[in-house]
Amino acid sequence: MTEAQKRFCDEYLIDFNATRAYKKAYPNCKKDETARANSSRLLTKANIISYIQEKKSNLSNELEITQKDVVKQLARIAFGDIRKLYNNTGAIKNIQDIDDDTAAIITGIETTEEFDGYGQDRKQIGYTKKIKMADKTKALDLLGKYFGMFKDKVEIEQDKPFEVNINIRKK
């Protein structure tokens, strides 16, 4: 493997954008179309595939992340229940009171304090909390693909050759 190919692989592993990785590894390439075509070819080479798989495996081992961990986290997001964010009075629970499975569906919380009056007369009258949730549809899509539920290609199986009968009438 050449140094440029190795650099391509390392760049590719950052964000899995092959076009960007190719342009970083081969700086003389200026056109996206060329980078896209060449990076696609590189990703079919056995030594490139092997190197990328080895690096991914090493990182997974180093971080102690397994496929099971990733699938479990996707399942938490896909099947998370927003109702568990609220207490029995309908108020949002304190973050410390939210269980791990429910916390997994939260990607961000923004709290804004609300005041009435100005200067020394200003008094807090409440606050607004905005909770950003993970994309359930995306998580379900990824889980479905992982389990082979969705196919990008349609496969047709048949027992006998396909026959077409065409009747043409002459006037």
Protein backbone atom coordinates (compact mmCIF):
# COMPACT_ATOMS: atom_id res chain seq x y z
CA MET A 1 0.00 0.00 0.00
CA THR A 2 1.34 3.41 -0.92
CA GLU A 3 1.59 6.28 1.54
CA ALA A 4 -1.13 8.14 -0.37
CA GLN A 5 -3.44 5.12 -0.15
CA LYS A 6 -2.79 4.86 3.58
CA ARG A 7 -3.49 8.59 3.98
CA PHE A 8 -6.71 8.10 1.97
CA CYS A 9 -7.81 5.31 4.33
CA ASP A 10 -7.03 7.33 7.44
CA GLU A 11 -8.91 10.34 6.08
CA TYR A 12 -11.81 8.14 5.02
CA LEU A 13 -12.13 6.78 8.54
CA ILE A 14 -12.74 10.29 9.89
CA ASP A 15 -16.18 10.79 8.32
CA PHE A 16 -16.51 8.07 5.64
CA ASN A 17 -16.54 10.71 2.92
CA ALA A 18 -14.46 9.05 0.22
CA THR A 19 -14.39 12.07 -2.12
CA ARG A 20 -13.04 14.36 0.61
CA ALA A 21 -10.54 11.71 1.72
CA TYR A 22 -9.24 11.27 -1.82
CA LYS A 23 -8.72 15.01 -2.25
CA LYS A 24 -6.78 15.12 1.05
CA ALA A 25 -4.61 12.14 0.11
CA TYR A 26 -4.09 13.30 -3.47
CA PRO A 27 -3.98 17.12 -3.26
CA ASN A 28 -3.36 17.51 -7.00
CA CYS A 29 -6.89 16.24 -7.65
CA LYS A 30 -9.13 19.30 -7.82
CA LYS A 31 -12.32 17.96 -9.42
CA ASP A 32 -14.96 16.27 -7.28
CA GLU A 33 -15.99 13.99 -10.14
CA THR A 34 -12.44 12.63 -10.49
CA ALA A 35 -12.05 12.24 -6.73
CA ARG A 36 -15.41 10.47 -6.51
CA ALA A 37 -14.55 7.99 -9.28
CA ASN A 38 -11.01 7.30 -8.04
CA SER A 39 -12.06 6.96 -4.40
CA SER A 40 -14.76 4.53 -5.43
CA ARG A 41 -12.14 2.42 -7.23
CA LEU A 42 -9.83 2.53 -4.22
CA LEU A 43 -12.59 1.27 -1.94
CA THR A 44 -12.84 -1.92 -4.01
CA LYS A 45 -9.16 -2.88 -3.60
CA ALA A 46 -8.55 -5.78 -1.21
CA ASN A 47 -5.64 -4.12 0.58
CA ILE A 48 -7.64 -0.92 1.14
CA ILE A 49 -10.67 -2.86 2.43
CA SER A 50 -8.45 -4.91 4.72
CA TYR A 51 -6.66 -1.85 6.11
CA ILE A 52 -9.94 0.00 6.79
CA GLN A 53 -11.49 -3.05 8.47
CA GLU A 54 -8.40 -3.53 10.64
CA LYS A 55 -8.40 0.14 11.71
CA LYS A 56 -12.11 0.04 12.52
CA SER A 57 -11.65 -3.15 14.52
CA ASN A 58 -8.72 -1.67 16.43
CA LEU A 59 -10.70 1.44 17.29
CA SER A 60 -13.70 -0.62 18.33
CA ASN A 61 -11.51 -2.73 20.62
CA GLU A 62 -9.74 0.32 22.02
CA LEU A 63 -13.04 2.02 22.84
CA GLU A 64 -14.56 -1.28 23.94
CA ILE A 65 -17.53 -0.74 21.64
CA THR A 66 -19.27 -3.78 20.25
CA GLN A 67 -21.94 -4.22 17.59
CA LYS A 68 -24.26 -5.13 20.44
CA ASP A 69 -23.63 -1.73 22.08
CA VAL A 70 -24.41 0.14 18.87
CA VAL A 71 -27.55 -1.86 18.12
CA LYS A 72 -28.72 -1.47 21.73
CA GLN A 73 -28.29 2.31 21.55
CA LEU A 74 -30.17 2.45 18.23
CA ALA A 75 -32.97 0.40 19.80
CA ARG A 76 -33.14 2.81 22.75
CA ILE A 77 -33.59 5.71 20.32
CA ALA A 78 -35.99 3.87 18.01
CA PHE A 79 -38.27 2.67 20.81
CA GLY A 80 -37.82 5.47 23.35
CA ASP A 81 -41.00 6.79 24.90
CA ILE A 82 -41.25 10.59 25.19
CA ARG A 83 -43.90 10.22 27.91
CA LYS A 84 -41.19 9.07 30.30
CA LEU A 85 -39.72 12.60 30.23
CA TYR A 86 -42.68 13.93 32.21
CA ASN A 87 -43.84 13.42 35.79
CA ASN A 88 -47.45 12.68 36.78
CA THR A 89 -48.33 16.41 36.82
CA GLY A 90 -47.19 16.88 33.22
CA ALA A 91 -44.02 18.79 34.08
CA ILE A 92 -40.67 17.80 32.61
CA LYS A 93 -38.67 15.72 35.06
CA ASN A 94 -35.33 16.90 36.42
CA ILE A 95 -32.54 15.47 34.30
CA GLN A 96 -31.29 13.40 37.26
CA ASP A 97 -34.68 11.65 37.48
CA ILE A 98 -34.76 10.49 33.85
CA ASP A 99 -33.88 6.81 33.35
CA ASP A 100 -30.98 5.83 31.06
CA ASP A 101 -33.16 4.50 28.25
CA THR A 102 -35.15 7.72 28.08
CA ALA A 103 -32.04 9.90 28.41
CA ALA A 104 -30.65 8.13 25.33
CA ILE A 105 -33.30 9.75 23.12
CA ILE A 106 -32.31 13.28 24.19
CA THR A 107 -29.70 15.05 22.06
CA GLY A 108 -29.95 18.45 23.70
CA ILE A 109 -31.77 20.60 26.26
CA GLU A 110 -32.08 24.36 26.12
CA THR A 111 -33.45 26.25 29.13
CA THR A 112 -34.47 29.91 28.92
CA GLU A 113 -35.36 31.87 32.05
CA GLU A 114 -38.32 34.24 31.70
CA PHE A 115 -38.54 37.53 33.61
CA ASP A 116 -41.09 40.26 34.12
CA GLY A 117 -40.11 43.86 34.75
CA TYR A 118 -36.83 45.72 34.39
CA GLY A 119 -33.77 46.46 36.52
CA GLN A 120 -34.25 46.07 40.29
CA ASP A 121 -37.97 45.32 39.80
CA ARG A 122 -37.26 42.38 37.52
CA LYS A 123 -38.60 39.04 38.80
CA GLN A 124 -38.29 35.57 37.37
CA ILE A 125 -41.72 34.33 36.38
CA GLY A 126 -40.76 31.00 34.87
CA TYR A 127 -38.62 29.24 32.33
CA THR A 128 -38.93 27.46 29.04
CA LYS A 129 -37.26 24.13 28.35
CA LYS A 130 -36.72 22.90 24.81
CA ILE A 131 -35.74 19.27 24.44
CA LYS A 132 -34.26 18.06 21.18
CA MET A 133 -34.92 14.40 20.48
CA ALA A 134 -32.91 11.91 18.45
CA ASP A 135 -34.34 10.94 15.05
CA LYS A 136 -36.45 7.84 15.70
CA THR A 137 -37.09 7.26 11.99
CA LYS A 138 -33.35 7.20 11.25
CA ALA A 139 -32.73 4.79 14.13
CA LEU A 140 -35.51 2.50 12.91
CA ASP A 141 -34.11 2.67 9.37
CA LEU A 142 -30.61 1.73 10.57
CA LEU A 143 -31.95 -1.11 12.71
CA GLY A 144 -34.05 -2.38 9.81
CA LYS A 145 -31.01 -2.35 7.52
CA TYR A 146 -28.88 -4.08 10.16
CA PHE A 147 -31.42 -6.88 10.45
CA GLY A 148 -31.83 -7.11 6.66
CA MET A 149 -35.44 -5.98 6.72
CA PHE A 150 -35.01 -3.43 3.94
CA LYS A 151 -33.46 -4.30 0.61
CA ASP A 152 -32.06 -1.77 -1.84
CA LYS A 153 -32.28 -4.36 -4.60
CA VAL A 154 -35.31 -6.37 -5.60
CA GLU A 155 -34.56 -10.04 -6.14
CA ILE A 156 -36.87 -12.05 -8.37
CA GLU A 157 -36.86 -15.82 -8.13
CA GLN A 158 -38.60 -17.98 -10.68
CA ASP A 159 -38.78 -21.69 -11.35
CA LYS A 160 -39.15 -21.58 -15.11
CA PRO A 161 -38.05 -19.20 -17.85
CA PHE A 162 -40.01 -16.02 -18.27
CA GLU A 163 -42.46 -16.16 -21.19
CA VAL A 164 -44.21 -13.32 -22.96
CA ASN A 165 -47.05 -13.86 -25.41
CA ILE A 166 -47.67 -11.02 -27.82
CA ASN A 167 -50.62 -10.99 -30.16
CA ILE A 168 -50.35 -8.63 -33.10
CA ARG A 169 -53.39 -8.02 -35.26
CA LYS A 170 -53.10 -6.73 -38.78
CA LYS A 171 -55.87 -4.58 -40.22
